[in-house]
Amino acid sequence: MGTVDSYVAGLQLVGARIPYGAYRATLLTLGSRIEAPLPGGGRHTQPGDTFFAFMVPEVAFEDQALLSRMTNPDAGCLPPRLALALLMVDFANPVYSEQRAQLLELVPAAAALPPGFTLQQLGTLMLSRVEAGATAASDDIMEELAAYTTSVRARLPQDFIEYQRLAESRRRVFKRSALSEFALTLPVTNIPADAARLTMRADGTVEQGGDLPEKRECDDGRLEPI
């Protein structure tokens, strides 16, 4: 059956570099700064970036550990191929994906398995139904991912400010969550507070996206956070 990593073994992705001058120019254009309220009143403001450049929300180590455990052939409940298929839905947006959030509409809040029916069997059944209903699929995931990174690099550094705007959009989603504890963790910009949320496309371009659902309705009518 393999693992998730085995399906993309041999994939070589080349990272991107941004000249410091081009990076700093985008910070100045967007009015990047770190801000926090002071105990005695007023605000601390420092122009520029945080101690770490290009701070953006990303997939957590806990997520990767959970994925590894869920796809473990001996104790897992999710076939690696199904996990990879889910991860490849809107792969250009590894966090805060509206398309992946919509998949929750297909998952009941609770379900009862027949006697003797294992979680591994459930995952295999889900995968077979997904494949049966698919109308088209990429023959080479590695080729698709490599094409994406190539497109991104081709847009640098001239279009880097669009990626800075995308980063700020994702930071604003993060700041709405309970995980955002400290004001100085992430920078702020002069982008209007009511600016549309942005998403990345598979061709490396940035576009406006819809709002992410914050809660879903359970079978008993309760609303639970997503």
Protein backbone atom coordinates (compact mmCIF):
# COMPACT_ATOMS: atom_id res chain seq x y z
CA MET A 1 0.00 0.00 0.00
CA GLY A 2 2.95 2.34 0.63
CA THR A 3 2.93 5.67 2.41
CA VAL A 4 1.98 9.19 1.39
CA ASP A 5 5.66 10.00 0.86
CA SER A 6 6.17 6.95 -1.34
CA TYR A 7 3.74 8.33 -3.91
CA VAL A 8 5.90 11.41 -4.41
CA ALA A 9 9.30 9.75 -3.93
CA GLY A 10 11.92 11.43 -6.07
CA LEU A 11 10.12 14.77 -6.17
CA GLN A 12 12.69 17.56 -6.20
CA LEU A 13 11.38 21.05 -5.55
CA VAL A 14 13.68 24.02 -5.98
CA GLY A 15 13.19 26.81 -3.49
CA ALA A 16 12.88 30.47 -4.43
CA ARG A 17 15.09 33.37 -3.37
CA ILE A 18 14.18 37.05 -3.21
CA PRO A 19 16.83 39.80 -3.33
CA TYR A 20 16.79 41.80 -0.10
CA GLY A 21 16.13 45.04 -1.97
CA ALA A 22 13.04 43.61 -3.66
CA TYR A 23 11.80 42.16 -0.37
CA ARG A 24 12.28 45.41 1.52
CA ALA A 25 10.55 47.37 -1.25
CA THR A 26 7.37 45.33 -0.74
CA LEU A 27 7.48 45.99 3.01
CA LEU A 28 7.68 49.73 2.39
CA THR A 29 4.91 49.67 -0.21
CA LEU A 30 2.55 47.80 2.11
CA GLY A 31 3.53 49.75 5.23
CA SER A 32 4.64 46.59 7.02
CA ARG A 33 5.21 46.98 10.77
CA ILE A 34 4.76 45.22 14.09
CA GLU A 35 2.32 46.69 16.57
CA ALA A 36 1.08 45.89 20.05
CA PRO A 37 -0.81 47.74 22.78
CA LEU A 38 1.29 49.02 25.70
CA PRO A 39 0.29 48.23 29.30
CA GLY A 40 0.00 51.91 30.20
CA GLY A 41 -1.90 52.87 27.08
CA GLY A 42 -0.88 53.71 23.56
CA ARG A 43 0.76 51.36 21.09
CA HIS A 44 4.23 50.13 20.32
CA THR A 45 4.97 50.43 16.60
CA GLN A 46 8.11 49.36 14.79
CA PRO A 47 8.35 49.69 11.00
CA GLY A 48 9.52 46.70 9.00
CA ASP A 49 9.24 42.98 9.56
CA THR A 50 9.41 40.53 12.45
CA PHE A 51 12.65 38.81 13.45
CA PHE A 52 11.76 36.13 10.89
CA ALA A 53 11.19 37.19 7.30
CA PHE A 54 7.93 36.36 5.53
CA MET A 55 6.09 34.97 8.55
CA VAL A 56 2.99 33.15 7.31
CA PRO A 57 0.72 30.41 8.71
CA GLU A 58 1.72 26.96 7.53
CA VAL A 59 0.90 23.31 8.13
CA ALA A 60 1.88 22.41 11.70
CA PHE A 61 4.24 19.62 12.74
CA GLU A 62 1.28 18.20 14.68
CA ASP A 63 -0.65 17.89 11.41
CA GLN A 64 2.20 15.97 9.81
CA ALA A 65 2.52 13.67 12.83
CA LEU A 66 -1.24 13.01 12.79
CA LEU A 67 -1.18 12.30 9.05
CA SER A 68 1.66 9.81 9.54
CA ARG A 69 -0.24 8.03 12.29
CA MET A 70 -3.54 7.97 10.40
CA THR A 71 -1.90 6.46 7.31
CA ASN A 72 0.20 3.94 9.19
CA PRO A 73 -0.48 0.56 7.49
CA ASP A 74 -0.59 -1.26 10.86
CA ALA A 75 -2.67 1.11 12.99
CA GLY A 76 -3.97 3.82 10.69
CA CYS A 77 -7.49 4.42 9.41
CA LEU A 78 -6.77 6.29 6.18
CA PRO A 79 -5.32 4.76 3.00
CA PRO A 80 -2.28 6.81 1.90
CA ARG A 81 -3.74 7.24 -1.59
CA LEU A 82 -6.90 8.75 -0.12
CA ALA A 83 -4.86 11.04 2.13
CA LEU A 84 -2.84 12.21 -0.85
CA ALA A 85 -5.99 12.78 -2.88
CA LEU A 86 -7.40 14.98 -0.12
CA LEU A 87 -4.13 16.90 0.23
CA MET A 88 -4.04 17.56 -3.52
CA VAL A 89 -7.42 19.30 -3.40
CA ASP A 90 -6.47 22.96 -3.79
CA PHE A 91 -2.85 22.06 -3.00
CA ALA A 92 -1.68 25.61 -3.76
CA ASN A 93 -3.41 26.67 -0.54
CA PRO A 94 -2.05 24.29 2.12
CA VAL A 95 -3.86 26.26 4.83
CA TYR A 96 -7.26 27.99 4.85
CA SER A 97 -8.54 26.32 1.70
CA GLU A 98 -12.18 27.05 0.89
CA GLN A 99 -12.33 24.04 -1.43
CA ARG A 100 -11.07 21.61 1.21
CA ALA A 101 -13.37 23.15 3.81
CA GLN A 102 -16.30 22.29 1.54
CA LEU A 103 -15.35 18.61 1.78
CA LEU A 104 -16.66 18.68 5.36
CA GLU A 105 -20.16 18.93 3.93
CA LEU A 106 -19.70 15.32 2.78
CA VAL A 107 -18.68 14.08 6.23
CA PRO A 108 -21.35 13.40 8.88
CA ALA A 109 -20.67 14.65 12.40
CA ALA A 110 -21.13 11.07 13.64
CA ALA A 111 -21.47 7.64 12.05
CA ALA A 112 -21.95 4.06 13.20
CA LEU A 113 -19.97 1.27 11.53
CA PRO A 114 -21.48 -2.21 11.07
CA PRO A 115 -20.09 -4.90 13.41
CA GLY A 116 -16.67 -6.02 12.25
CA PHE A 117 -16.29 -3.11 9.82
CA THR A 118 -12.89 -1.52 10.45
CA LEU A 119 -11.75 2.02 9.92
CA GLN A 120 -9.28 0.76 7.33
CA GLN A 121 -12.17 -0.74 5.36
CA LEU A 122 -14.04 2.55 5.62
CA GLY A 123 -11.09 4.41 4.15
CA THR A 124 -10.77 1.93 1.30
CA LEU A 125 -14.49 2.24 0.55
CA MET A 126 -14.26 6.04 0.51
CA LEU A 127 -11.32 5.89 -1.88
CA SER A 128 -13.10 3.52 -4.27
CA ARG A 129 -16.15 5.79 -4.39
CA VAL A 130 -14.05 8.88 -4.97
CA GLU A 131 -12.23 7.18 -7.83
CA ALA A 132 -15.49 5.88 -9.29
CA GLY A 133 -16.98 9.38 -9.36
CA ALA A 134 -13.90 11.14 -10.66
CA THR A 135 -14.14 12.55 -14.18
CA ALA A 136 -10.50 13.58 -14.56
CA ALA A 137 -7.30 13.37 -12.58
CA SER A 138 -3.66 14.25 -12.95
CA ASP A 139 -1.59 11.30 -14.16
CA ASP A 140 1.51 12.65 -12.49
CA ILE A 141 1.23 14.45 -9.17
CA MET A 142 4.95 15.14 -9.14
CA GLU A 143 4.68 16.82 -12.53
CA GLU A 144 1.81 18.97 -11.28
CA LEU A 145 3.70 20.08 -8.17
CA ALA A 146 6.89 20.75 -10.11
CA ALA A 147 4.96 22.85 -12.64
CA TYR A 148 3.48 24.88 -9.78
CA THR A 149 6.84 25.72 -8.21
CA THR A 150 8.27 26.55 -11.63
CA SER A 151 5.41 29.00 -12.22
CA VAL A 152 5.96 30.63 -8.83
CA ARG A 153 9.69 31.08 -9.42
CA ALA A 154 9.01 32.57 -12.87
CA ARG A 155 6.97 35.33 -11.19
CA LEU A 156 9.76 36.34 -8.82
CA PRO A 157 10.83 38.87 -7.88
CA GLN A 158 8.62 41.09 -10.08
CA ASP A 159 5.30 39.78 -8.68
CA PHE A 160 6.46 39.16 -5.13
CA ILE A 161 4.23 41.91 -3.75
CA GLU A 162 1.22 39.79 -4.73
CA TYR A 163 2.59 36.98 -2.57
CA GLN A 164 3.08 39.47 0.24
CA ARG A 165 -0.60 40.43 -0.07
CA LEU A 166 -1.51 36.74 -0.02
CA ALA A 167 0.60 36.24 3.09
CA GLU A 168 -1.16 39.11 4.85
CA SER A 169 -4.54 37.64 3.87
CA ARG A 170 -3.61 34.32 5.47
CA ARG A 171 -2.23 36.06 8.56
CA ARG A 172 -5.58 37.81 9.04
CA VAL A 173 -7.41 34.48 8.97
CA PHE A 174 -4.96 33.14 11.56
CA LYS A 175 -5.49 36.16 13.82
CA ARG A 176 -9.20 35.30 14.03
CA SER A 177 -8.35 31.95 15.61
CA ALA A 178 -7.63 31.03 19.21
CA LEU A 179 -4.07 30.14 18.18
CA SER A 180 -3.21 33.81 17.77
CA GLU A 181 -1.99 34.79 21.23
CA PHE A 182 0.62 37.53 20.79
CA ALA A 183 0.26 40.71 18.74
CA LEU A 184 3.99 40.91 17.95
CA THR A 185 4.12 37.43 16.38
CA LEU A 186 3.01 38.68 12.96
CA PRO A 187 3.37 42.00 11.13
CA VAL A 188 0.49 44.21 10.03
CA THR A 189 0.15 46.27 6.85
CA ASN A 190 -1.79 49.17 5.40
CA ILE A 191 -3.99 46.82 3.36
CA PRO A 192 -7.61 47.82 4.12
CA ALA A 193 -9.28 45.77 6.83
CA ASP A 194 -12.19 44.96 4.52
CA ALA A 195 -9.98 43.74 1.67
CA ALA A 196 -11.14 40.50 0.03
CA ARG A 197 -9.47 37.27 1.13
CA LEU A 198 -6.86 36.05 -1.34
CA THR A 199 -5.98 32.56 -2.52
CA MET A 200 -3.26 31.02 -4.65
CA ARG A 201 -3.96 29.31 -7.96
CA ALA A 202 -2.16 26.24 -9.28
CA ASP A 203 -0.54 28.41 -11.95
CA GLY A 204 1.13 30.58 -9.31
CA THR A 205 -1.20 33.57 -9.66
CA VAL A 206 -3.16 35.15 -6.81
CA GLU A 207 -6.90 35.76 -6.93
CA GLN A 208 -9.76 36.75 -4.66
CA GLY A 209 -11.35 33.93 -2.67
CA GLY A 210 -14.56 33.45 -0.76
CA ASP A 211 -15.03 33.48 2.99
CA LEU A 212 -14.08 30.39 4.95
CA PRO A 213 -16.82 28.75 7.05
CA GLU A 214 -16.05 29.05 10.75
CA LYS A 215 -18.63 26.54 12.00
CA ARG A 216 -20.63 23.63 10.68
CA GLU A 217 -24.03 22.30 11.72
CA CYS A 218 -24.04 18.89 13.38
CA ASP A 219 -26.75 16.28 12.84
CA ASP A 220 -28.35 17.30 16.14
CA GLY A 221 -28.50 20.97 15.09
CA ARG A 222 -25.53 22.14 17.14
CA LEU A 223 -22.87 24.38 15.61
CA GLU A 224 -19.28 23.34 16.16
CA PRO A 225 -16.06 25.14 15.16
CA ILE A 226 -14.28 23.91 12.06
